[in-house]
Amino acid sequence: RFEQCRFIGCTMDKGWLNRVDLRDCSAPG
């Protein structure tokens, strides 16, 4: 779970997200 997290210019290319929840997150781009 990601809760109230900020991602600025981040990459998750070729990653695997399995049973993942995002709540109130800011991740433009």
PDB file of all heavy atoms in Angstrom:
ATOM      1  N   ARG A   1       0.850  -1.188   0.000  1.00  0.00           N
ATOM      2  CA  ARG A   1       0.000   0.000   0.000  1.00  0.00           C
ATOM      3  C   ARG A   1       0.890   1.244   0.000  1.00  0.00           C
ATOM      4  O   ARG A   1       1.860   1.318   0.756  1.00  0.00           O
ATOM      5  CB  ARG A   1      -0.907   0.040   1.227  1.00  0.00           C
ATOM      6  CG  ARG A   1      -2.046  -0.955   1.208  1.00  0.00           C
ATOM      7  CD  ARG A   1      -2.865  -0.858   2.497  1.00  0.00           C
ATOM      8  NE  ARG A   1      -3.465   0.472   2.652  1.00  0.00           N
ATOM      9  CZ  ARG A   1      -4.657   0.803   2.178  1.00  0.00           C
ATOM     10  NH1 ARG A   1      -5.375  -0.076   1.503  1.00  0.00           N
ATOM     11  NH2 ARG A   1      -5.153   2.003   2.381  1.00  0.00           N
ATOM     12  N   PHE A   2       0.524   2.213  -0.848  1.00  0.00           N
ATOM     13  CA  PHE A   2       1.147   3.533  -0.845  1.00  0.00           C
ATOM     14  C   PHE A   2       0.094   4.518  -0.358  1.00  0.00           C
ATOM     15  O   PHE A   2      -0.962   4.661  -0.980  1.00  0.00           O
ATOM     16  CB  PHE A   2       1.620   3.919  -2.245  1.00  0.00           C
ATOM     17  CG  PHE A   2       2.766   3.099  -2.776  1.00  0.00           C
ATOM     18  CD1 PHE A   2       2.520   2.004  -3.590  1.00  0.00           C
ATOM     19  CD2 PHE A   2       4.073   3.435  -2.463  1.00  0.00           C
ATOM     20  CE1 PHE A   2       3.570   1.241  -4.082  1.00  0.00           C
ATOM     21  CE2 PHE A   2       5.137   2.676  -2.959  1.00  0.00           C
ATOM     22  CZ  PHE A   2       4.883   1.583  -3.766  1.00  0.00           C
ATOM     23  N   GLU A   3       0.368   5.198   0.757  1.00  0.00           N
ATOM     24  CA  GLU A   3      -0.597   6.122   1.345  1.00  0.00           C
ATOM     25  C   GLU A   3       0.009   7.513   1.446  1.00  0.00           C
ATOM     26  O   GLU A   3       1.068   7.706   2.055  1.00  0.00           O
ATOM     27  CB  GLU A   3      -1.001   5.644   2.744  1.00  0.00           C
ATOM     28  CG  GLU A   3      -1.618   4.252   2.760  1.00  0.00           C
ATOM     29  CD  GLU A   3      -1.837   3.729   4.172  1.00  0.00           C
ATOM     30  OE1 GLU A   3      -1.413   4.427   5.123  1.00  0.00           O
ATOM     31  OE2 GLU A   3      -2.401   2.640   4.327  1.00  0.00           O
ATOM     32  N   GLN A   4      -0.647   8.491   0.832  1.00  0.00           N
ATOM     33  CA  GLN A   4      -0.228   9.891   0.877  1.00  0.00           C
ATOM     34  C   GLN A   4       1.249  10.072   0.476  1.00  0.00           C
ATOM     35  O   GLN A   4       1.997  10.822   1.120  1.00  0.00           O
ATOM     36  CB  GLN A   4      -0.469  10.505   2.266  1.00  0.00           C
ATOM     37  CG  GLN A   4      -1.933  10.526   2.689  1.00  0.00           C
ATOM     38  CD  GLN A   4      -2.348   9.276   3.440  1.00  0.00           C
ATOM     39  OE1 GLN A   4      -1.665   8.839   4.359  1.00  0.00           O
ATOM     40  NE2 GLN A   4      -3.474   8.702   3.074  1.00  0.00           N
ATOM     41  N   CYS A   5       1.657   9.382  -0.556  1.00  0.00           N
ATOM     42  CA  CYS A   5       3.043   9.480  -1.039  1.00  0.00           C
ATOM     43  C   CYS A   5       3.118  10.395  -2.262  1.00  0.00           C
ATOM     44  O   CYS A   5       2.151  10.523  -3.017  1.00  0.00           O
ATOM     45  CB  CYS A   5       3.588   8.100  -1.399  1.00  0.00           C
ATOM     46  SG  CYS A   5       3.827   7.007   0.024  1.00  0.00           S
ATOM     47  N   ARG A   6       4.302  11.020  -2.464  1.00  0.00           N
ATOM     48  CA  ARG A   6       4.541  11.857  -3.635  1.00  0.00           C
ATOM     49  C   ARG A   6       5.676  11.256  -4.447  1.00  0.00           C
ATOM     50  O   ARG A   6       6.734  10.913  -3.900  1.00  0.00           O
ATOM     51  CB  ARG A   6       4.902  13.285  -3.226  1.00  0.00           C
ATOM     52  CG  ARG A   6       3.774  14.076  -2.580  1.00  0.00           C
ATOM     53  CD  ARG A   6       4.247  15.485  -2.264  1.00  0.00           C
ATOM     54  NE  ARG A   6       4.621  16.196  -3.484  1.00  0.00           N
ATOM     55  CZ  ARG A   6       5.406  17.274  -3.510  1.00  0.00           C
ATOM     56  NH1 ARG A   6       5.928  17.735  -2.382  1.00  0.00           N
ATOM     57  NH2 ARG A   6       5.687  17.867  -4.651  1.00  0.00           N
ATOM     58  N   PHE A   7       5.439  11.150  -5.745  1.00  0.00           N
ATOM     59  CA  PHE A   7       6.455  10.674  -6.675  1.00  0.00           C
ATOM     60  C   PHE A   7       6.703  11.787  -7.691  1.00  0.00           C
ATOM     61  O   PHE A   7       5.789  12.200  -8.404  1.00  0.00           O
ATOM     62  CB  PHE A   7       5.980   9.414  -7.407  1.00  0.00           C
ATOM     63  CG  PHE A   7       5.711   8.243  -6.510  1.00  0.00           C
ATOM     64  CD1 PHE A   7       4.468   8.068  -5.914  1.00  0.00           C
ATOM     65  CD2 PHE A   7       6.698   7.296  -6.279  1.00  0.00           C
ATOM     66  CE1 PHE A   7       4.215   6.975  -5.100  1.00  0.00           C
ATOM     67  CE2 PHE A   7       6.460   6.199  -5.455  1.00  0.00           C
ATOM     68  CZ  PHE A   7       5.209   6.037  -4.866  1.00  0.00           C
ATOM     69  N   ILE A   8       7.932  12.269  -7.747  1.00  0.00           N
ATOM     70  CA  ILE A   8       8.287  13.345  -8.676  1.00  0.00           C
ATOM     71  C   ILE A   8       9.326  12.811  -9.659  1.00  0.00           C
ATOM     72  O   ILE A   8      10.444  12.472  -9.266  1.00  0.00           O
ATOM     73  CB  ILE A   8       8.856  14.568  -7.930  1.00  0.00           C
ATOM     74  CG1 ILE A   8       7.849  15.085  -6.896  1.00  0.00           C
ATOM     75  CG2 ILE A   8       9.227  15.673  -8.910  1.00  0.00           C
ATOM     76  CD1 ILE A   8       8.395  16.191  -6.011  1.00  0.00           C
ATOM     77  N   GLY A   9       8.944  12.694 -10.910  1.00  0.00           N
ATOM     78  CA  GLY A   9       9.872  12.231 -11.929  1.00  0.00           C
ATOM     79  C   GLY A   9      10.384  10.820 -11.704  1.00  0.00           C
ATOM     80  O   GLY A   9      11.525  10.507 -12.052  1.00  0.00           O
ATOM     81  N   CYS A  10       9.562   9.947 -11.147  1.00  0.00           N
ATOM     82  CA  CYS A  10       9.999   8.578 -10.839  1.00  0.00           C
ATOM     83  C   CYS A  10       9.616   7.603 -11.946  1.00  0.00           C
ATOM     84  O   CYS A  10       8.717   7.857 -12.742  1.00  0.00           O
ATOM     85  CB  CYS A  10       9.374   8.110  -9.517  1.00  0.00           C
ATOM     86  SG  CYS A  10       9.952   9.031  -8.066  1.00  0.00           S
ATOM     87  N   THR A  11      10.328   6.479 -11.990  1.00  0.00           N
ATOM     88  CA  THR A  11      10.046   5.440 -12.965  1.00  0.00           C
ATOM     89  C   THR A  11       9.841   4.102 -12.264  1.00  0.00           C
ATOM     90  O   THR A  11      10.487   3.807 -11.263  1.00  0.00           O
ATOM     91  CB  THR A  11      11.195   5.292 -13.981  1.00  0.00           C
ATOM     92  OG1 THR A  11      12.374   4.851 -13.299  1.00  0.00           O
ATOM     93  CG2 THR A  11      11.474   6.606 -14.682  1.00  0.00           C
ATOM     94  N   MET A  12       8.910   3.320 -12.825  1.00  0.00           N
ATOM     95  CA  MET A  12       8.712   1.928 -12.418  1.00  0.00           C
ATOM     96  C   MET A  12       8.685   1.049 -13.665  1.00  0.00           C
ATOM     97  O   MET A  12       7.967   0.051 -13.732  1.00  0.00           O
ATOM     98  CB  MET A  12       7.416   1.778 -11.618  1.00  0.00           C
ATOM     99  CG  MET A  12       7.423   2.457 -10.269  1.00  0.00           C
ATOM    100  SD  MET A  12       5.887   2.132  -9.340  1.00  0.00           S
ATOM    101  CE  MET A  12       6.218   3.038  -7.819  1.00  0.00           C
ATOM    102  N   ASP A  13       9.461   1.421 -14.663  1.00  0.00           N
ATOM    103  CA  ASP A  13       9.458   0.706 -15.930  1.00  0.00           C
ATOM    104  C   ASP A  13       9.788  -0.771 -15.731  1.00  0.00           C
ATOM    105  O   ASP A  13      10.675  -1.133 -14.951  1.00  0.00           O
ATOM    106  CB  ASP A  13      10.484   1.320 -16.888  1.00  0.00           C
ATOM    107  CG  ASP A  13      10.141   2.761 -17.258  1.00  0.00           C
ATOM    108  OD1 ASP A  13       8.996   3.173 -17.024  1.00  0.00           O
ATOM    109  OD2 ASP A  13      11.027   3.461 -17.788  1.00  0.00           O
ATOM    110  N   LYS A  14       9.039  -1.626 -16.437  1.00  0.00           N
ATOM    111  CA  LYS A  14       9.235  -3.074 -16.412  1.00  0.00           C
ATOM    112  C   LYS A  14       9.097  -3.665 -15.010  1.00  0.00           C
ATOM    113  O   LYS A  14       9.585  -4.750 -14.726  1.00  0.00           O
ATOM    114  CB  LYS A  14      10.595  -3.450 -17.006  1.00  0.00           C
ATOM    115  CG  LYS A  14      10.737  -3.061 -18.468  1.00  0.00           C
ATOM    116  CD  LYS A  14      12.067  -3.527 -19.050  1.00  0.00           C
ATOM    117  CE  LYS A  14      12.175  -3.156 -20.520  1.00  0.00           C
ATOM    118  NZ  LYS A  14      13.462  -3.576 -21.110  1.00  0.00           N
ATOM    119  N   GLY A  15       8.423  -2.926 -14.136  1.00  0.00           N
ATOM    120  CA  GLY A  15       8.185  -3.448 -12.793  1.00  0.00           C
ATOM    121  C   GLY A  15       6.968  -4.351 -12.749  1.00  0.00           C
ATOM    122  O   GLY A  15       6.235  -4.500 -13.735  1.00  0.00           O
ATOM    123  N   TRP A  16       6.758  -4.990 -11.602  1.00  0.00           N
ATOM    124  CA  TRP A  16       5.588  -5.838 -11.390  1.00  0.00           C
ATOM    125  C   TRP A  16       4.874  -5.356 -10.142  1.00  0.00           C
ATOM    126  O   TRP A  16       5.420  -5.410  -9.035  1.00  0.00           O
ATOM    127  CB  TRP A  16       6.001  -7.305 -11.242  1.00  0.00           C
ATOM    128  CG  TRP A  16       4.825  -8.244 -11.115  1.00  0.00           C
ATOM    129  CD1 TRP A  16       3.570  -8.051 -11.621  1.00  0.00           C
ATOM    130  CD2 TRP A  16       4.786  -9.508 -10.445  1.00  0.00           C
ATOM    131  NE1 TRP A  16       2.756  -9.113 -11.315  1.00  0.00           N
ATOM    132  CE2 TRP A  16       3.472 -10.028 -10.599  1.00  0.00           C
ATOM    133  CE3 TRP A  16       5.743 -10.251  -9.751  1.00  0.00           C
ATOM    134  CZ2 TRP A  16       3.090 -11.250 -10.059  1.00  0.00           C
ATOM    135  CZ3 TRP A  16       5.355 -11.474  -9.223  1.00  0.00           C
ATOM    136  CH2 TRP A  16       4.041 -11.967  -9.374  1.00  0.00           C
ATOM    137  N   LEU A  17       3.643  -4.886 -10.327  1.00  0.00           N
ATOM    138  CA  LEU A  17       2.798  -4.462  -9.228  1.00  0.00           C
ATOM    139  C   LEU A  17       1.680  -5.484  -9.085  1.00  0.00           C
ATOM    140  O   LEU A  17       0.792  -5.574  -9.941  1.00  0.00           O
ATOM    141  CB  LEU A  17       2.221  -3.069  -9.489  1.00  0.00           C
ATOM    142  CG  LEU A  17       3.131  -1.867  -9.213  1.00  0.00           C
ATOM    143  CD1 LEU A  17       4.325  -1.854 -10.154  1.00  0.00           C
ATOM    144  CD2 LEU A  17       2.353  -0.561  -9.340  1.00  0.00           C
ATOM    145  N   ASN A  18       1.732  -6.254  -8.012  1.00  0.00           N
ATOM    146  CA  ASN A  18       0.790  -7.341  -7.784  1.00  0.00           C
ATOM    147  C   ASN A  18       0.090  -7.122  -6.439  1.00  0.00           C
ATOM    148  O   ASN A  18       0.739  -7.137  -5.403  1.00  0.00           O
ATOM    149  CB  ASN A  18       1.542  -8.677  -7.803  1.00  0.00           C
ATOM    150  CG  ASN A  18       0.638  -9.869  -7.564  1.00  0.00           C
ATOM    151  OD1 ASN A  18       1.027 -10.833  -6.922  1.00  0.00           O
ATOM    152  ND2 ASN A  18      -0.585  -9.827  -8.069  1.00  0.00           N
ATOM    153  N   ARG A  19      -1.208  -6.891  -6.501  1.00  0.00           N
ATOM    154  CA  ARG A  19      -2.003  -6.558  -5.310  1.00  0.00           C
ATOM    155  C   ARG A  19      -1.401  -5.323  -4.633  1.00  0.00           C
ATOM    156  O   ARG A  19      -0.858  -5.389  -3.531  1.00  0.00           O
ATOM    157  CB  ARG A  19      -2.088  -7.743  -4.348  1.00  0.00           C
ATOM    158  CG  ARG A  19      -2.833  -8.949  -4.938  1.00  0.00           C
ATOM    159  CD  ARG A  19      -3.148  -9.998  -3.877  1.00  0.00           C
ATOM    160  NE  ARG A  19      -1.941 -10.529  -3.260  1.00  0.00           N
ATOM    161  CZ  ARG A  19      -1.260 -11.567  -3.714  1.00  0.00           C
ATOM    162  NH1 ARG A  19      -1.641 -12.187  -4.828  1.00  0.00           N
ATOM    163  NH2 ARG A  19      -0.178 -11.989  -3.088  1.00  0.00           N
ATOM    164  N   VAL A  20      -1.556  -4.194  -5.321  1.00  0.00           N
ATOM    165  CA  VAL A  20      -1.001  -2.911  -4.866  1.00  0.00           C
ATOM    166  C   VAL A  20      -2.128  -1.874  -4.816  1.00  0.00           C
ATOM    167  O   VAL A  20      -2.944  -1.787  -5.731  1.00  0.00           O
ATOM    168  CB  VAL A  20       0.122  -2.428  -5.804  1.00  0.00           C
ATOM    169  CG1 VAL A  20       0.535  -0.986  -5.467  1.00  0.00           C
ATOM    170  CG2 VAL A  20       1.325  -3.355  -5.708  1.00  0.00           C
ATOM    171  N   ASP A  21      -2.170  -1.099  -3.726  1.00  0.00           N
ATOM    172  CA  ASP A  21      -3.168  -0.042  -3.559  1.00  0.00           C
ATOM    173  C   ASP A  21      -2.470   1.300  -3.373  1.00  0.00           C
ATOM    174  O   ASP A  21      -1.487   1.396  -2.626  1.00  0.00           O
ATOM    175  CB  ASP A  21      -4.043  -0.312  -2.333  1.00  0.00           C
ATOM    176  CG  ASP A  21      -4.757  -1.657  -2.402  1.00  0.00           C
ATOM    177  OD1 ASP A  21      -5.222  -2.009  -3.498  1.00  0.00           O
ATOM    178  OD2 ASP A  21      -4.831  -2.342  -1.361  1.00  0.00           O
ATOM    179  N   LEU A  22      -2.981   2.326  -4.052  1.00  0.00           N
ATOM    180  CA  LEU A  22      -2.491   3.691  -3.877  1.00  0.00           C
ATOM    181  C   LEU A  22      -3.637   4.545  -3.366  1.00  0.00           C
ATOM    182  O   LEU A  22      -4.738   4.531  -3.941  1.00  0.00           O
ATOM    183  CB  LEU A  22      -1.964   4.264  -5.196  1.00  0.00           C
ATOM    184  CG  LEU A  22      -0.746   3.583  -5.819  1.00  0.00           C
ATOM    185  CD1 LEU A  22      -1.203   2.524  -6.844  1.00  0.00           C
ATOM    186  CD2 LEU A  22       0.160   4.599  -6.508  1.00  0.00           C
ATOM    187  N   ARG A  23      -3.387   5.290  -2.308  1.00  0.00           N
ATOM    188  CA  ARG A  23      -4.406   6.147  -1.716  1.00  0.00           C
ATOM    189  C   ARG A  23      -3.846   7.554  -1.502  1.00  0.00           C
ATOM    190  O   ARG A  23      -2.822   7.737  -0.853  1.00  0.00           O
ATOM    191  CB  ARG A  23      -4.881   5.582  -0.356  1.00  0.00           C
ATOM    192  CG  ARG A  23      -5.547   4.210  -0.454  1.00  0.00           C
ATOM    193  CD  ARG A  23      -6.888   4.293  -1.168  1.00  0.00           C
ATOM    194  NE  ARG A  23      -7.552   2.996  -1.233  1.00  0.00           N
ATOM    195  CZ  ARG A  23      -7.430   2.140  -2.233  1.00  0.00           C
ATOM    196  NH1 ARG A  23      -6.611   2.452  -3.255  1.00  0.00           N
ATOM    197  NH2 ARG A  23      -8.074   0.993  -2.237  1.00  0.00           N
ATOM    198  N   ASP A  24      -4.537   8.557  -2.070  1.00  0.00           N
ATOM    199  CA  ASP A  24      -4.144   9.967  -1.901  1.00  0.00           C
ATOM    200  C   ASP A  24      -2.690  10.196  -2.290  1.00  0.00           C
ATOM    201  O   ASP A  24      -1.959  10.906  -1.588  1.00  0.00           O
ATOM    202  CB  ASP A  24      -4.378  10.422  -0.457  1.00  0.00           C
ATOM    203  CG  ASP A  24      -5.851  10.463  -0.099  1.00  0.00           C
ATOM    204  OD1 ASP A  24      -6.615  11.144  -0.804  1.00  0.00           O
ATOM    205  OD2 ASP A  24      -6.238   9.800   0.887  1.00  0.00           O
ATOM    206  N   CYS A  25      -2.263   9.614  -3.372  1.00  0.00           N
ATOM    207  CA  CYS A  25      -0.885   9.777  -3.826  1.00  0.00           C
ATOM    208  C   CYS A  25      -0.808  10.764  -4.981  1.00  0.00           C
ATOM    209  O   CYS A  25      -1.741  10.882  -5.777  1.00  0.00           O
ATOM    210  CB  CYS A  25      -0.295   8.435  -4.262  1.00  0.00           C
ATOM    211  SG  CYS A  25      -0.035   7.267  -2.906  1.00  0.00           S
ATOM    212  N   SER A  26       0.319  11.457  -5.079  1.00  0.00           N
ATOM    213  CA  SER A  26       0.579  12.372  -6.185  1.00  0.00           C
ATOM    214  C   SER A  26       1.745  11.812  -6.987  1.00  0.00           C
ATOM    215  O   SER A  26       2.855  11.693  -6.472  1.00  0.00           O
ATOM    216  CB  SER A  26       0.916  13.768  -5.650  1.00  0.00           C
ATOM    217  OG  SER A  26       1.292  14.632  -6.714  1.00  0.00           O
ATOM    218  N   ALA A  27       1.474  11.453  -8.245  1.00  0.00           N
ATOM    219  CA  ALA A  27       2.518  10.842  -9.068  1.00  0.00           C
ATOM    220  C   ALA A  27       2.419  11.301 -10.518  1.00  0.00           C
ATOM    221  O   ALA A  27       2.379  10.488 -11.437  1.00  0.00           O
ATOM    222  CB  ALA A  27       2.436   9.327  -8.976  1.00  0.00           C
ATOM    223  N   PRO A  28       2.363  12.620 -10.752  1.00  0.00           N
ATOM    224  CA  PRO A  28       2.280  13.084 -12.144  1.00  0.00           C
ATOM    225  C   PRO A  28       3.537  12.705 -12.912  1.00  0.00           C
ATOM    226  O   PRO A  28       4.649  12.850 -12.420  1.00  0.00           O
ATOM    227  CB  PRO A  28       2.152  14.608 -11.990  1.00  0.00           C
ATOM    228  CG  PRO A  28       2.748  14.921 -10.655  1.00  0.00           C
ATOM    229  CD  PRO A  28       2.431  13.741  -9.790  1.00  0.00           C
ATOM    230  N   GLY A  29       3.328  12.172 -14.107  1.00  0.00           N
ATOM    231  CA  GLY A  29       4.470  11.800 -14.932  1.00  0.00           C
ATOM    232  C   GLY A  29       5.131  10.489 -14.563  1.00  0.00           C
ATOM    233  O   GLY A  29       6.165  10.134 -15.123  1.00  0.00           O
TER     234      GLY A  29
END
